[in-house]
Amino acid sequence: MKKILLIASIFALTLSTAQCFAAENAPSDLPTKTAEKQCQKPCHKFQRPPVKPNKIDFDKRLKLTDEQKAKAKEIHQKGFEEIKPIMEKLDLKREEISAVKRSNLSPEVQAEKIVKLRKECREIKHQAREIQMKNMKEFEAILTDKQKNELKKIKEEGRKKFEKAHKKSLLKMPPMPPQFGHEPKPEEK
């Protein structure tokens, strides 16, 4: 029994010494475990997403002219400026929900407030979606008929890719309403 305890304590001491040595000699520019955990939390500040490689393919597939690219960039920038305050408002509502969950209110009062705040979140998301749809229509207005057909193909490919990735959760969801640009499939009618 003493031998096992002695071996276990030596093992623990060796392990902790190795970890301390590794931590001391680790490059300082690498994130620590606490920093990694902080980075994994969702960021509540609305920022412009980085340009993705798919955007380059998107531009090539549509064969946008330089004039169309400039106009599309202008539409995108205007849409970003319109939607930014709405997304900030949504973040504030989400923070309110978190605060209510952490509060010492009774479960019934908490539930009532959370239901109200979630309803407000849905309304804010609806506003954001309307802006997105308006911007999409503005973008489509600068395209030729051939480009519009290619855009339709790109959307369909994206929809199929999304459905494949989210197959289980989509089974539980009702179909999108027509005001969001969704045309029901023949089997949905």
Protein backbone atom coordinates (compact mmCIF):
# COMPACT_ATOMS: atom_id res chain seq x y z
CA MET A 1 0.00 0.00 0.00
CA LYS A 2 2.84 2.38 0.88
CA LYS A 3 4.54 1.61 -2.43
CA ILE A 4 1.38 2.54 -4.37
CA LEU A 5 0.99 5.82 -2.49
CA LEU A 6 4.68 6.61 -3.00
CA ILE A 7 4.47 5.87 -6.75
CA ALA A 8 1.25 7.91 -7.08
CA SER A 9 2.76 10.90 -5.29
CA ILE A 10 5.92 10.75 -7.43
CA PHE A 11 3.78 10.54 -10.56
CA ALA A 12 1.68 13.54 -9.44
CA LEU A 13 4.79 15.56 -8.59
CA THR A 14 6.38 14.74 -11.95
CA LEU A 15 3.21 15.64 -13.82
CA SER A 16 2.75 18.97 -12.02
CA THR A 17 6.43 19.87 -12.51
CA ALA A 18 6.18 19.09 -16.22
CA GLN A 19 3.07 21.28 -16.54
CA CYS A 20 4.75 24.17 -14.71
CA PHE A 21 7.83 23.83 -16.92
CA ALA A 22 5.70 23.78 -20.06
CA ALA A 23 3.72 26.82 -18.91
CA GLU A 24 6.89 28.80 -18.16
CA ASN A 25 8.50 27.96 -21.48
CA ALA A 26 5.37 28.36 -23.59
CA PRO A 27 5.42 31.31 -26.02
CA SER A 28 3.58 34.23 -24.50
CA ASP A 29 1.60 34.92 -27.66
CA LEU A 30 -0.30 31.61 -27.38
CA PRO A 31 -3.69 31.87 -25.71
CA THR A 32 -4.11 30.35 -22.27
CA LYS A 33 -6.91 27.96 -21.45
CA THR A 34 -8.96 30.73 -19.85
CA ALA A 35 -8.50 32.89 -22.93
CA GLU A 36 -9.62 29.96 -25.11
CA LYS A 37 -12.76 29.58 -23.04
CA GLN A 38 -13.46 33.30 -23.33
CA CYS A 39 -12.98 33.17 -27.09
CA GLN A 40 -15.44 30.30 -27.43
CA LYS A 41 -18.23 32.37 -25.94
CA PRO A 42 -20.39 34.05 -28.57
CA CYS A 43 -19.35 37.62 -29.24
CA HIS A 44 -22.21 40.01 -28.66
CA LYS A 45 -20.70 42.87 -30.60
CA PHE A 46 -21.95 43.04 -34.16
CA GLN A 47 -18.96 43.22 -36.46
CA ARG A 48 -18.58 42.87 -40.17
CA PRO A 49 -17.68 39.27 -40.93
CA PRO A 50 -14.40 38.66 -42.77
CA VAL A 51 -14.56 38.08 -46.52
CA LYS A 52 -14.90 34.36 -47.10
CA PRO A 53 -13.33 32.45 -49.98
CA ASN A 54 -16.88 31.54 -51.08
CA LYS A 55 -17.49 35.22 -51.89
CA ILE A 56 -14.73 35.09 -54.47
CA ASP A 57 -16.34 32.03 -56.07
CA PHE A 58 -19.69 33.81 -55.88
CA ASP A 59 -18.31 36.80 -57.82
CA LYS A 60 -16.71 34.52 -60.41
CA ARG A 61 -19.82 32.41 -60.88
CA LEU A 62 -22.00 35.46 -61.42
CA LYS A 63 -19.33 37.05 -63.62
CA LEU A 64 -19.95 40.47 -62.12
CA THR A 65 -18.58 43.47 -63.97
CA ASP A 66 -16.46 46.01 -62.10
CA GLU A 67 -19.42 48.39 -62.11
CA GLN A 68 -21.69 45.69 -60.64
CA LYS A 69 -19.07 44.84 -58.00
CA ALA A 70 -18.87 48.49 -56.96
CA LYS A 71 -22.66 48.78 -56.81
CA ALA A 72 -22.93 45.49 -54.87
CA LYS A 73 -20.33 46.72 -52.40
CA GLU A 74 -22.29 49.94 -51.94
CA ILE A 75 -25.53 47.99 -51.35
CA HIS A 76 -23.75 45.70 -48.88
CA GLN A 77 -22.25 48.63 -46.98
CA LYS A 78 -25.58 50.44 -46.81
CA GLY A 79 -27.30 47.27 -45.60
CA PHE A 80 -24.60 46.74 -42.97
CA GLU A 81 -25.10 50.28 -41.66
CA GLU A 82 -28.88 49.76 -41.55
CA ILE A 83 -28.72 46.44 -39.76
CA LYS A 84 -25.96 47.27 -37.27
CA PRO A 85 -28.18 49.16 -34.77
CA ILE A 86 -30.82 46.44 -35.02
CA MET A 87 -28.28 43.74 -34.20
CA GLU A 88 -26.97 45.79 -31.28
CA LYS A 89 -30.54 46.07 -30.03
CA LEU A 90 -30.89 42.30 -30.34
CA ASP A 91 -27.70 41.79 -28.33
CA LEU A 92 -29.09 44.03 -25.57
CA LYS A 93 -32.28 41.96 -25.43
CA ARG A 94 -30.23 38.76 -25.20
CA GLU A 95 -28.21 40.27 -22.37
CA GLU A 96 -31.48 41.18 -20.63
CA ILE A 97 -32.61 37.57 -20.94
CA SER A 98 -29.35 36.40 -19.37
CA ALA A 99 -29.74 38.92 -16.55
CA VAL A 100 -33.28 37.73 -15.87
CA LYS A 101 -32.06 34.12 -15.79
CA ARG A 102 -29.38 35.06 -13.23
CA SER A 103 -31.78 37.13 -11.11
CA ASN A 104 -33.34 36.00 -7.86
CA LEU A 105 -36.87 36.40 -9.15
CA SER A 106 -39.38 33.63 -8.72
CA PRO A 107 -39.44 31.08 -11.57
CA GLU A 108 -42.90 32.25 -12.67
CA VAL A 109 -41.84 35.91 -12.92
CA GLN A 110 -38.61 34.91 -14.68
CA ALA A 111 -40.51 32.82 -17.21
CA GLU A 112 -42.98 35.64 -17.87
CA LYS A 113 -40.19 38.18 -18.45
CA ILE A 114 -38.21 35.78 -20.63
CA VAL A 115 -41.25 35.06 -22.82
CA LYS A 116 -41.78 38.81 -23.28
CA LEU A 117 -38.11 39.42 -24.10
CA ARG A 118 -37.99 36.52 -26.56
CA LYS A 119 -41.03 37.92 -28.34
CA GLU A 120 -39.21 41.24 -28.64
CA CYS A 121 -36.16 39.37 -29.98
CA ARG A 122 -38.32 37.72 -32.65
CA GLU A 123 -39.67 41.13 -33.71
CA ILE A 124 -36.14 42.53 -33.93
CA LYS A 125 -35.00 39.50 -35.98
CA HIS A 126 -37.97 40.08 -38.27
CA GLN A 127 -36.83 43.69 -38.82
CA ALA A 128 -33.31 42.46 -39.64
CA ARG A 129 -34.68 39.87 -42.04
CA GLU A 130 -36.74 42.53 -43.84
CA ILE A 131 -33.61 44.63 -44.35
CA GLN A 132 -31.76 41.59 -45.68
CA MET A 133 -34.56 40.84 -48.12
CA LYS A 134 -34.67 44.48 -49.28
CA ASN A 135 -30.91 44.43 -49.86
CA MET A 136 -31.16 41.15 -51.76
CA LYS A 137 -33.80 42.66 -54.04
CA GLU A 138 -31.58 45.71 -54.62
CA PHE A 139 -28.69 43.41 -55.48
CA GLU A 140 -30.80 41.32 -57.83
CA ALA A 141 -31.91 44.52 -59.59
CA ILE A 142 -28.33 45.17 -60.79
CA LEU A 143 -28.00 41.66 -62.29
CA THR A 144 -28.72 40.54 -65.83
CA ASP A 145 -31.21 37.75 -66.47
CA LYS A 146 -28.38 35.25 -66.96
CA GLN A 147 -26.81 36.31 -63.66
CA LYS A 148 -30.18 36.05 -61.89
CA ASN A 149 -30.54 32.46 -63.12
CA GLU A 150 -27.03 31.65 -61.86
CA LEU A 151 -27.87 33.31 -58.51
CA LYS A 152 -30.97 31.14 -58.28
CA LYS A 153 -28.79 28.05 -58.80
CA ILE A 154 -26.33 29.24 -56.12
CA LYS A 155 -29.20 29.78 -53.66
CA GLU A 156 -30.60 26.32 -54.38
CA GLU A 157 -27.19 24.73 -53.85
CA GLY A 158 -26.81 26.62 -50.57
CA ARG A 159 -30.28 25.56 -49.46
CA LYS A 160 -29.51 21.90 -50.20
CA LYS A 161 -26.20 22.13 -48.36
CA PHE A 162 -27.95 23.73 -45.36
CA GLU A 163 -30.71 21.11 -45.36
CA LYS A 164 -28.15 18.32 -45.48
CA ALA A 165 -26.21 19.82 -42.56
CA HIS A 166 -29.32 20.51 -40.46
CA LYS A 167 -31.51 17.59 -41.47
CA LYS A 168 -32.59 16.60 -37.94
CA SER A 169 -33.50 20.09 -36.77
CA LEU A 170 -35.36 20.86 -40.00
CA LEU A 171 -37.73 17.95 -39.42
CA LYS A 172 -39.09 19.80 -36.38
CA MET A 173 -39.38 23.21 -38.08
CA PRO A 174 -42.50 24.45 -39.86
CA PRO A 175 -42.01 25.72 -43.43
CA MET A 176 -40.88 29.32 -43.88
CA PRO A 177 -43.68 31.82 -44.51
CA PRO A 178 -43.90 33.34 -48.01
CA GLN A 179 -42.97 36.85 -46.77
CA PHE A 180 -39.40 35.59 -46.32
CA GLY A 181 -39.07 34.74 -50.00
CA HIS A 182 -39.75 31.03 -49.56
CA GLU A 183 -41.82 29.40 -52.23
CA PRO A 184 -43.46 26.25 -50.88
CA LYS A 185 -42.45 23.04 -52.60
CA PRO A 186 -45.24 21.17 -54.40
CA GLU A 187 -45.55 18.67 -51.54
CA GLU A 188 -45.92 21.56 -49.00
CA LYS A 189 -48.93 23.13 -50.79
